[in-house]
Amino acid sequence: SAYSNGKPRSEAPVFLLFLDCVWQILRQFPCSFQFNENFLIMLFEHAYAS
């Protein structure tokens, strides 16, 4: 972004791993959730947008 200090971000993808875990459970028990994989994709896109 225009306001960054030029250093690349090096973060562990912990939230992405969490989303993957939720997705795996969602695939096994789809009726137990009030959202679908599109919501998880939207969360990922917003969390990692720069």
C-alpha atoms as a PDB file:
ATOM      1  CA  SER A   1       0.000   0.000   0.000  1.00  0.00           C
ATOM      2  CA  ALA A   2       1.014   3.635  -0.289  1.00  0.00           C
ATOM      3  CA  TYR A   3       1.492   3.944   3.471  1.00  0.00           C
ATOM      4  CA  SER A   4       3.645   0.880   4.072  1.00  0.00           C
ATOM      5  CA  ASN A   5       7.275   1.146   5.038  1.00  0.00           C
ATOM      6  CA  GLY A   6       8.374  -0.991   2.104  1.00  0.00           C
ATOM      7  CA  LYS A   7       9.011  -4.154   4.105  1.00  0.00           C
ATOM      8  CA  PRO A   8       7.085  -7.207   2.934  1.00  0.00           C
ATOM      9  CA  ARG A   9       4.664  -8.659   5.443  1.00  0.00           C
ATOM     10  CA  SER A  10       5.787 -11.998   6.769  1.00  0.00           C
ATOM     11  CA  GLU A  11       3.015 -13.432   8.874  1.00  0.00           C
ATOM     12  CA  ALA A  12       2.084 -16.997   9.597  1.00  0.00           C
ATOM     13  CA  PRO A  13      -1.190 -17.897   7.851  1.00  0.00           C
ATOM     14  CA  VAL A  14      -2.890 -18.888  11.107  1.00  0.00           C
ATOM     15  CA  PHE A  15      -6.272 -17.427  10.139  1.00  0.00           C
ATOM     16  CA  LEU A  16      -6.094 -19.222   6.793  1.00  0.00           C
ATOM     17  CA  LEU A  17      -5.435 -22.496   8.616  1.00  0.00           C
ATOM     18  CA  PHE A  18      -8.433 -21.807  10.862  1.00  0.00           C
ATOM     19  CA  LEU A  19     -10.624 -21.150   7.812  1.00  0.00           C
ATOM     20  CA  ASP A  20      -9.430 -24.407   6.287  1.00  0.00           C
ATOM     21  CA  CYS A  21     -10.353 -26.290   9.467  1.00  0.00           C
ATOM     22  CA  VAL A  22     -13.813 -24.731   9.438  1.00  0.00           C
ATOM     23  CA  TRP A  23     -14.186 -25.614   5.750  1.00  0.00           C
ATOM     24  CA  GLN A  24     -13.236 -29.245   6.417  1.00  0.00           C
ATOM     25  CA  ILE A  25     -15.875 -29.506   9.155  1.00  0.00           C
ATOM     26  CA  LEU A  26     -18.384 -27.665   6.961  1.00  0.00           C
ATOM     27  CA  ARG A  27     -17.871 -30.272   4.232  1.00  0.00           C
ATOM     28  CA  GLN A  28     -18.509 -33.089   6.727  1.00  0.00           C
ATOM     29  CA  PHE A  29     -21.544 -31.536   8.445  1.00  0.00           C
ATOM     30  CA  PRO A  30     -23.113 -28.991   6.056  1.00  0.00           C
ATOM     31  CA  CYS A  31     -26.444 -28.878   7.915  1.00  0.00           C
ATOM     32  CA  SER A  32     -24.733 -27.833  11.146  1.00  0.00           C
ATOM     33  CA  PHE A  33     -23.712 -24.413   9.828  1.00  0.00           C
ATOM     34  CA  GLN A  34     -25.685 -21.311   8.956  1.00  0.00           C
ATOM     35  CA  PHE A  35     -23.212 -20.299   6.232  1.00  0.00           C
ATOM     36  CA  ASN A  36     -21.532 -21.890   3.241  1.00  0.00           C
ATOM     37  CA  GLU A  37     -18.059 -21.881   1.697  1.00  0.00           C
ATOM     38  CA  ASN A  38     -18.762 -18.584  -0.095  1.00  0.00           C
ATOM     39  CA  PHE A  39     -18.795 -16.883   3.290  1.00  0.00           C
ATOM     40  CA  LEU A  40     -15.418 -18.405   4.161  1.00  0.00           C
ATOM     41  CA  ILE A  41     -14.012 -17.188   0.846  1.00  0.00           C
ATOM     42  CA  MET A  42     -15.323 -13.689   1.559  1.00  0.00           C
ATOM     43  CA  LEU A  43     -13.690 -13.750   5.009  1.00  0.00           C
ATOM     44  CA  PHE A  44     -10.389 -14.828   3.471  1.00  0.00           C
ATOM     45  CA  GLU A  45     -10.503 -12.128   0.791  1.00  0.00           C
ATOM     46  CA  HIS A  46     -11.260  -9.381   3.302  1.00  0.00           C
ATOM     47  CA  ALA A  47      -8.709 -10.584   5.846  1.00  0.00           C
ATOM     48  CA  TYR A  48      -5.843 -10.724   3.358  1.00  0.00           C
ATOM     49  CA  ALA A  49      -6.712  -7.678   1.230  1.00  0.00           C
ATOM     50  CA  SER A  50      -3.962  -5.094   1.355  1.00  0.00           C
END
